[in-house]
Amino acid sequence: MPSSRKRQGHHYQKPAAIPSKQRTDGRTFWAILIGIFGLFIAYFAAGNNAIALAIGALLGAVAGYYIGKSMEKDTAHR
């Protein structure tokens, strides 16, 4: 008998309860939301300094992107 017939079958993968469009919008949503929070924090910390505002918004958006990405990965495995 060929050895390929002795291989184990694939494990059952339950389909995700969250639609794929909703899972992929998490990165964008969290990047914008935490970017705005970063903008507010930079405004209250440094005043009306344009460079500080841009850096705060950028750091917040990057952090939000990775938070959303990890949340999407977590929901994909459920």
PDB file of N, CA and C in Angstrom:
ATOM      1  N   MET A   1       0.842  -1.169   0.000  1.00  0.00           N
ATOM      2  CA  MET A   1       0.000   0.000   0.000  1.00  0.00           C
ATOM      3  C   MET A   1       0.900   1.249   0.000  1.00  0.00           C
ATOM      4  N   PRO A   2       0.550   2.261  -0.782  1.00  0.00           N
ATOM      5  CA  PRO A   2       1.376   3.462  -0.828  1.00  0.00           C
ATOM      6  C   PRO A   2       1.393   4.185   0.527  1.00  0.00           C
ATOM      7  N   SER A   3       2.494   4.836   0.797  1.00  0.00           N
ATOM      8  CA  SER A   3       2.636   5.522   2.084  1.00  0.00           C
ATOM      9  C   SER A   3       1.758   6.771   2.174  1.00  0.00           C
ATOM     10  N   SER A   4       1.336   7.300   1.047  1.00  0.00           N
ATOM     11  CA  SER A   4       0.507   8.504   1.076  1.00  0.00           C
ATOM     12  C   SER A   4      -0.861   8.238   1.695  1.00  0.00           C
ATOM     13  N   ARG A   5      -1.307   7.001   1.688  1.00  0.00           N
ATOM     14  CA  ARG A   5      -2.608   6.693   2.286  1.00  0.00           C
ATOM     15  C   ARG A   5      -2.532   6.607   3.803  1.00  0.00           C
ATOM     16  N   LYS A   6      -1.351   6.564   4.342  1.00  0.00           N
ATOM     17  CA  LYS A   6      -1.182   6.470   5.786  1.00  0.00           C
ATOM     18  C   LYS A   6      -1.032   7.850   6.443  1.00  0.00           C
ATOM     19  N   ARG A   7      -0.991   8.890   5.633  1.00  0.00           N
ATOM     20  CA  ARG A   7      -0.840  10.238   6.187  1.00  0.00           C
ATOM     21  C   ARG A   7      -2.076  10.649   6.966  1.00  0.00           C
ATOM     22  N   GLN A   8      -1.858  11.490   7.944  1.00  0.00           N
ATOM     23  CA  GLN A   8      -2.967  12.020   8.717  1.00  0.00           C
ATOM     24  C   GLN A   8      -3.731  13.044   7.884  1.00  0.00           C
ATOM     25  N   GLY A   9      -5.026  13.127   8.105  1.00  0.00           N
ATOM     26  CA  GLY A   9      -5.844  14.108   7.400  1.00  0.00           C
ATOM     27  C   GLY A   9      -5.722  15.486   8.038  1.00  0.00           C
ATOM     28  N   HIS A  10      -6.274  16.455   7.399  1.00  0.00           N
ATOM     29  CA  HIS A  10      -6.240  17.818   7.915  1.00  0.00           C
ATOM     30  C   HIS A  10      -7.211  17.951   9.084  1.00  0.00           C
ATOM     31  N   HIS A  11      -6.841  18.808  10.007  1.00  0.00           N
ATOM     32  CA  HIS A  11      -7.724  19.088  11.123  1.00  0.00           C
ATOM     33  C   HIS A  11      -8.854  19.992  10.656  1.00  0.00           C
ATOM     34  N   TYR A  12      -9.992  19.855  11.299  1.00  0.00           N
ATOM     35  CA  TYR A  12     -11.146  20.667  10.942  1.00  0.00           C
ATOM     36  C   TYR A  12     -10.895  22.112  11.358  1.00  0.00           C
ATOM     37  N   GLN A  13     -11.122  23.055  10.456  1.00  0.00           N
ATOM     38  CA  GLN A  13     -10.984  24.475  10.760  1.00  0.00           C
ATOM     39  C   GLN A  13     -12.354  25.116  10.692  1.00  0.00           C
ATOM     40  N   LYS A  14     -12.815  25.555  11.839  1.00  0.00           N
ATOM     41  CA  LYS A  14     -14.122  26.182  11.918  1.00  0.00           C
ATOM     42  C   LYS A  14     -14.057  27.557  11.252  1.00  0.00           C
ATOM     43  N   PRO A  15     -15.037  27.908  10.413  1.00  0.00           N
ATOM     44  CA  PRO A  15     -15.018  29.232   9.790  1.00  0.00           C
ATOM     45  C   PRO A  15     -15.194  30.323  10.848  1.00  0.00           C
ATOM     46  N   ALA A  16     -14.586  31.472  10.616  1.00  0.00           N
ATOM     47  CA  ALA A  16     -14.631  32.579  11.565  1.00  0.00           C
ATOM     48  C   ALA A  16     -16.037  33.158  11.641  1.00  0.00           C
ATOM     49  N   ALA A  17     -16.431  33.550  12.838  1.00  0.00           N
ATOM     50  CA  ALA A  17     -17.757  34.124  13.040  1.00  0.00           C
ATOM     51  C   ALA A  17     -17.808  35.582  12.580  1.00  0.00           C
ATOM     52  N   ILE A  18     -16.644  36.219  12.456  1.00  0.00           N
ATOM     53  CA  ILE A  18     -16.572  37.618  12.045  1.00  0.00           C
ATOM     54  C   ILE A  18     -16.292  37.663  10.539  1.00  0.00           C
ATOM     55  N   PRO A  19     -17.054  38.447   9.785  1.00  0.00           N
ATOM     56  CA  PRO A  19     -16.812  38.526   8.338  1.00  0.00           C
ATOM     57  C   PRO A  19     -15.405  39.046   8.030  1.00  0.00           C
ATOM     58  N   SER A  20     -14.859  38.650   6.908  1.00  0.00           N
ATOM     59  CA  SER A  20     -13.481  39.018   6.564  1.00  0.00           C
ATOM     60  C   SER A  20     -13.312  40.520   6.394  1.00  0.00           C
ATOM     61  N   LYS A  21     -14.307  41.211   5.869  1.00  0.00           N
ATOM     62  CA  LYS A  21     -14.196  42.661   5.712  1.00  0.00           C
ATOM     63  C   LYS A  21     -14.062  43.342   7.066  1.00  0.00           C
ATOM     64  N   GLN A  22     -14.803  42.867   8.037  1.00  0.00           N
ATOM     65  CA  GLN A  22     -14.735  43.459   9.366  1.00  0.00           C
ATOM     66  C   GLN A  22     -13.378  43.160  10.016  1.00  0.00           C
ATOM     67  N   ARG A  23     -12.809  42.009   9.752  1.00  0.00           N
ATOM     68  CA  ARG A  23     -11.501  41.679  10.321  1.00  0.00           C
ATOM     69  C   ARG A  23     -10.405  42.537   9.722  1.00  0.00           C
ATOM     70  N   THR A  24     -10.471  42.852   8.439  1.00  0.00           N
ATOM     71  CA  THR A  24      -9.419  43.629   7.801  1.00  0.00           C
ATOM     72  C   THR A  24      -9.536  45.116   8.068  1.00  0.00           C
ATOM     73  N   ASP A  25     -10.673  45.577   8.540  1.00  0.00           N
ATOM     74  CA  ASP A  25     -10.818  46.999   8.858  1.00  0.00           C
ATOM     75  C   ASP A  25     -10.295  47.341  10.238  1.00  0.00           C
ATOM     76  N   GLY A  26      -9.889  46.368  11.018  1.00  0.00           N
ATOM     77  CA  GLY A  26      -9.399  46.616  12.365  1.00  0.00           C
ATOM     78  C   GLY A  26      -8.123  47.424  12.382  1.00  0.00           C
ATOM     79  N   ARG A  27      -7.222  47.150  11.446  1.00  0.00           N
ATOM     80  CA  ARG A  27      -5.962  47.899  11.383  1.00  0.00           C
ATOM     81  C   ARG A  27      -6.226  49.381  11.143  1.00  0.00           C
ATOM     82  N   THR A  28      -7.071  49.668  10.189  1.00  0.00           N
ATOM     83  CA  THR A  28      -7.363  51.052   9.840  1.00  0.00           C
ATOM     84  C   THR A  28      -8.064  51.769  10.981  1.00  0.00           C
ATOM     85  N   PHE A  29      -9.050  51.111  11.580  1.00  0.00           N
ATOM     86  CA  PHE A  29      -9.808  51.717  12.663  1.00  0.00           C
ATOM     87  C   PHE A  29      -8.913  52.074  13.843  1.00  0.00           C
ATOM     88  N   TRP A  30      -8.108  51.104  14.297  1.00  0.00           N
ATOM     89  CA  TRP A  30      -7.260  51.356  15.455  1.00  0.00           C
ATOM     90  C   TRP A  30      -6.146  52.331  15.133  1.00  0.00           C
ATOM     91  N   ALA A  31      -5.619  52.316  13.917  1.00  0.00           N
ATOM     92  CA  ALA A  31      -4.572  53.269  13.546  1.00  0.00           C
ATOM     93  C   ALA A  31      -5.102  54.697  13.597  1.00  0.00           C
ATOM     94  N   ILE A  32      -6.305  54.921  13.086  1.00  0.00           N
ATOM     95  CA  ILE A  32      -6.882  56.264  13.107  1.00  0.00           C
ATOM     96  C   ILE A  32      -7.229  56.676  14.533  1.00  0.00           C
ATOM     97  N   LEU A  33      -7.856  55.777  15.288  1.00  0.00           N
ATOM     98  CA  LEU A  33      -8.285  56.111  16.641  1.00  0.00           C
ATOM     99  C   LEU A  33      -7.107  56.428  17.559  1.00  0.00           C
ATOM    100  N   ILE A  34      -6.104  55.577  17.589  1.00  0.00           N
ATOM    101  CA  ILE A  34      -4.969  55.817  18.473  1.00  0.00           C
ATOM    102  C   ILE A  34      -4.089  56.931  17.918  1.00  0.00           C
ATOM    103  N   GLY A  35      -4.102  57.149  16.608  1.00  0.00           N
ATOM    104  CA  GLY A  35      -3.408  58.299  16.037  1.00  0.00           C
ATOM    105  C   GLY A  35      -4.001  59.611  16.519  1.00  0.00           C
ATOM    106  N   ILE A  36      -5.315  59.669  16.622  1.00  0.00           N
ATOM    107  CA  ILE A  36      -5.972  60.876  17.134  1.00  0.00           C
ATOM    108  C   ILE A  36      -5.641  61.072  18.617  1.00  0.00           C
ATOM    109  N   PHE A  37      -5.643  59.974  19.384  1.00  0.00           N
ATOM    110  CA  PHE A  37      -5.259  60.077  20.790  1.00  0.00           C
ATOM    111  C   PHE A  37      -3.815  60.554  20.928  1.00  0.00           C
ATOM    112  N   GLY A  38      -2.928  60.050  20.079  1.00  0.00           N
ATOM    113  CA  GLY A  38      -1.535  60.495  20.084  1.00  0.00           C
ATOM    114  C   GLY A  38      -1.419  61.967  19.744  1.00  0.00           C
ATOM    115  N   LEU A  39      -2.264  62.432  18.846  1.00  0.00           N
ATOM    116  CA  LEU A  39      -2.280  63.856  18.489  1.00  0.00           C
ATOM    117  C   LEU A  39      -2.705  64.703  19.683  1.00  0.00           C
ATOM    118  N   PHE A  40      -3.734  64.265  20.403  1.00  0.00           N
ATOM    119  CA  PHE A  40      -4.189  65.004  21.591  1.00  0.00           C
ATOM    120  C   PHE A  40      -3.135  64.996  22.692  1.00  0.00           C
ATOM    121  N   ILE A  41      -2.498  63.869  22.903  1.00  0.00           N
ATOM    122  CA  ILE A  41      -1.458  63.791  23.935  1.00  0.00           C
ATOM    123  C   ILE A  41      -0.299  64.718  23.579  1.00  0.00           C
ATOM    124  N   ALA A  42       0.101  64.729  22.313  1.00  0.00           N
ATOM    125  CA  ALA A  42       1.187  65.616  21.892  1.00  0.00           C
ATOM    126  C   ALA A  42       0.773  67.077  22.025  1.00  0.00           C
ATOM    127  N   TYR A  43      -0.481  67.384  21.749  1.00  0.00           N
ATOM    128  CA  TYR A  43      -0.941  68.772  21.872  1.00  0.00           C
ATOM    129  C   TYR A  43      -0.904  69.241  23.328  1.00  0.00           C
ATOM    130  N   PHE A  44      -1.369  68.391  24.236  1.00  0.00           N
ATOM    131  CA  PHE A  44      -1.378  68.779  25.644  1.00  0.00           C
ATOM    132  C   PHE A  44       0.031  68.766  26.239  1.00  0.00           C
ATOM    133  N   ALA A  45       0.942  67.976  25.695  1.00  0.00           N
ATOM    134  CA  ALA A  45       2.297  67.907  26.228  1.00  0.00           C
ATOM    135  C   ALA A  45       3.197  69.013  25.679  1.00  0.00           C
ATOM    136  N   ALA A  46       3.075  69.312  24.386  1.00  0.00           N
ATOM    137  CA  ALA A  46       4.014  70.239  23.758  1.00  0.00           C
ATOM    138  C   ALA A  46       3.364  71.513  23.248  1.00  0.00           C
ATOM    139  N   GLY A  47       2.074  71.640  23.362  1.00  0.00           N
ATOM    140  CA  GLY A  47       1.413  72.847  22.875  1.00  0.00           C
ATOM    141  C   GLY A  47       1.168  72.776  21.381  1.00  0.00           C
ATOM    142  N   ASN A  48       1.330  73.897  20.735  1.00  0.00           N
ATOM    143  CA  ASN A  48       1.014  74.005  19.313  1.00  0.00           C
ATOM    144  C   ASN A  48       2.249  73.803  18.437  1.00  0.00           C
ATOM    145  N   ASN A  49       3.169  72.941  18.852  1.00  0.00           N
ATOM    146  CA  ASN A  49       4.377  72.644  18.095  1.00  0.00           C
ATOM    147  C   ASN A  49       4.032  71.634  16.998  1.00  0.00           C
ATOM    148  N   ALA A  50       4.198  72.021  15.746  1.00  0.00           N
ATOM    149  CA  ALA A  50       3.778  71.180  14.621  1.00  0.00           C
ATOM    150  C   ALA A  50       4.573  69.883  14.538  1.00  0.00           C
ATOM    151  N   ILE A  51       5.864  69.937  14.848  1.00  0.00           N
ATOM    152  CA  ILE A  51       6.691  68.733  14.770  1.00  0.00           C
ATOM    153  C   ILE A  51       6.261  67.722  15.832  1.00  0.00           C
ATOM    154  N   ALA A  52       6.001  68.204  17.039  1.00  0.00           N
ATOM    155  CA  ALA A  52       5.559  67.311  18.113  1.00  0.00           C
ATOM    156  C   ALA A  52       4.188  66.712  17.791  1.00  0.00           C
ATOM    157  N   LEU A  53       3.308  67.501  17.202  1.00  0.00           N
ATOM    158  CA  LEU A  53       1.986  66.991  16.821  1.00  0.00           C
ATOM    159  C   LEU A  53       2.099  65.905  15.759  1.00  0.00           C
ATOM    160  N   ALA A  54       2.957  66.118  14.783  1.00  0.00           N
ATOM    161  CA  ALA A  54       3.129  65.131  13.714  1.00  0.00           C
ATOM    162  C   ALA A  54       3.744  63.840  14.256  1.00  0.00           C
ATOM    163  N   ILE A  55       4.735  63.981  15.126  1.00  0.00           N
ATOM    164  CA  ILE A  55       5.372  62.789  15.697  1.00  0.00           C
ATOM    165  C   ILE A  55       4.390  62.026  16.578  1.00  0.00           C
ATOM    166  N   GLY A  56       3.608  62.746  17.387  1.00  0.00           N
ATOM    167  CA  GLY A  56       2.622  62.089  18.243  1.00  0.00           C
ATOM    168  C   GLY A  56       1.572  61.346  17.441  1.00  0.00           C
ATOM    169  N   ALA A  57       1.081  61.980  16.384  1.00  0.00           N
ATOM    170  CA  ALA A  57       0.075  61.327  15.542  1.00  0.00           C
ATOM    171  C   ALA A  57       0.667  60.126  14.814  1.00  0.00           C
ATOM    172  N   LEU A  58       1.896  60.250  14.340  1.00  0.00           N
ATOM    173  CA  LEU A  58       2.536  59.152  13.622  1.00  0.00           C
ATOM    174  C   LEU A  58       2.803  57.964  14.548  1.00  0.00           C
ATOM    175  N   LEU A  59       3.333  58.233  15.737  1.00  0.00           N
ATOM    176  CA  LEU A  59       3.590  57.147  16.680  1.00  0.00           C
ATOM    177  C   LEU A  59       2.285  56.470  17.117  1.00  0.00           C
ATOM    178  N   GLY A  60       1.249  57.270  17.311  1.00  0.00           N
ATOM    179  CA  GLY A  60      -0.046  56.699  17.668  1.00  0.00           C
ATOM    180  C   GLY A  60      -0.621  55.844  16.551  1.00  0.00           C
ATOM    181  N   ALA A  61      -0.473  56.293  15.315  1.00  0.00           N
ATOM    182  CA  ALA A  61      -0.994  55.531  14.181  1.00  0.00           C
ATOM    183  C   ALA A  61      -0.242  54.216  14.003  1.00  0.00           C
ATOM    184  N   VAL A  62       1.069  54.245  14.192  1.00  0.00           N
ATOM    185  CA  VAL A  62       1.858  53.011  14.068  1.00  0.00           C
ATOM    186  C   VAL A  62       1.482  52.035  15.173  1.00  0.00           C
ATOM    187  N   ALA A  63       1.348  52.547  16.403  1.00  0.00           N
ATOM    188  CA  ALA A  63       0.948  51.674  17.514  1.00  0.00           C
ATOM    189  C   ALA A  63      -0.447  51.110  17.265  1.00  0.00           C
ATOM    190  N   GLY A  64      -1.372  51.924  16.784  1.00  0.00           N
ATOM    191  CA  GLY A  64      -2.720  51.460  16.484  1.00  0.00           C
ATOM    192  C   GLY A  64      -2.752  50.425  15.379  1.00  0.00           C
ATOM    193  N   TYR A  65      -1.891  50.595  14.395  1.00  0.00           N
ATOM    194  CA  TYR A  65      -1.818  49.621  13.305  1.00  0.00           C
ATOM    195  C   TYR A  65      -1.436  48.246  13.840  1.00  0.00           C
ATOM    196  N   TYR A  66      -0.401  48.208  14.683  1.00  0.00           N
ATOM    197  CA  TYR A  66       0.043  46.921  15.208  1.00  0.00           C
ATOM    198  C   TYR A  66      -0.947  46.335  16.207  1.00  0.00           C
ATOM    199  N   ILE A  67      -1.640  47.163  16.949  1.00  0.00           N
ATOM    200  CA  ILE A  67      -2.684  46.665  17.845  1.00  0.00           C
ATOM    201  C   ILE A  67      -3.814  46.046  17.024  1.00  0.00           C
ATOM    202  N   GLY A  68      -4.253  46.741  15.979  1.00  0.00           N
ATOM    203  CA  GLY A  68      -5.304  46.205  15.107  1.00  0.00           C
ATOM    204  C   GLY A  68      -4.878  44.942  14.399  1.00  0.00           C
ATOM    205  N   LYS A  69      -3.617  44.885  13.992  1.00  0.00           N
ATOM    206  CA  LYS A  69      -3.109  43.701  13.314  1.00  0.00           C
ATOM    207  C   LYS A  69      -3.111  42.491  14.242  1.00  0.00           C
ATOM    208  N   SER A  70      -2.703  42.706  15.491  1.00  0.00           N
ATOM    209  CA  SER A  70      -2.700  41.581  16.437  1.00  0.00           C
ATOM    210  C   SER A  70      -4.125  41.156  16.785  1.00  0.00           C
ATOM    211  N   MET A  71      -5.055  42.102  16.828  1.00  0.00           N
ATOM    212  CA  MET A  71      -6.444  41.746  17.097  1.00  0.00           C
ATOM    213  C   MET A  71      -7.038  40.955  15.933  1.00  0.00           C
ATOM    214  N   GLU A  72      -6.690  41.336  14.704  1.00  0.00           N
ATOM    215  CA  GLU A  72      -7.167  40.591  13.545  1.00  0.00           C
ATOM    216  C   GLU A  72      -6.604  39.177  13.535  1.00  0.00           C
ATOM    217  N   LYS A  73      -5.345  39.033  13.884  1.00  0.00           N
ATOM    218  CA  LYS A  73      -4.728  37.713  13.924  1.00  0.00           C
ATOM    219  C   LYS A  73      -5.401  36.855  14.992  1.00  0.00           C
ATOM    220  N   ASP A  74      -5.737  37.470  16.112  1.00  0.00           N
ATOM    221  CA  ASP A  74      -6.382  36.737  17.192  1.00  0.00           C
ATOM    222  C   ASP A  74      -7.783  36.282  16.776  1.00  0.00           C
ATOM    223  N   THR A  75      -8.543  37.118  16.082  1.00  0.00           N
ATOM    224  CA  THR A  75      -9.885  36.724  15.656  1.00  0.00           C
ATOM    225  C   THR A  75      -9.854  35.710  14.522  1.00  0.00           C
ATOM    226  N   ALA A  76      -8.780  35.688  13.747  1.00  0.00           N
ATOM    227  CA  ALA A  76      -8.687  34.723  12.652  1.00  0.00           C
ATOM    228  C   ALA A  76      -8.501  33.309  13.182  1.00  0.00           C
ATOM    229  N   HIS A  77      -7.920  33.177  14.367  1.00  0.00           N
ATOM    230  CA  HIS A  77      -7.674  31.853  14.930  1.00  0.00           C
ATOM    231  C   HIS A  77      -8.856  31.316  15.712  1.00  0.00           C
ATOM    232  N   ARG A  78      -9.886  32.096  15.892  1.00  0.00           N
ATOM    233  CA  ARG A  78     -11.036  31.635  16.672  1.00  0.00           C
ATOM    234  C   ARG A  78     -12.045  30.947  15.828  1.00  0.00           C
TER     235      ARG A  78
END
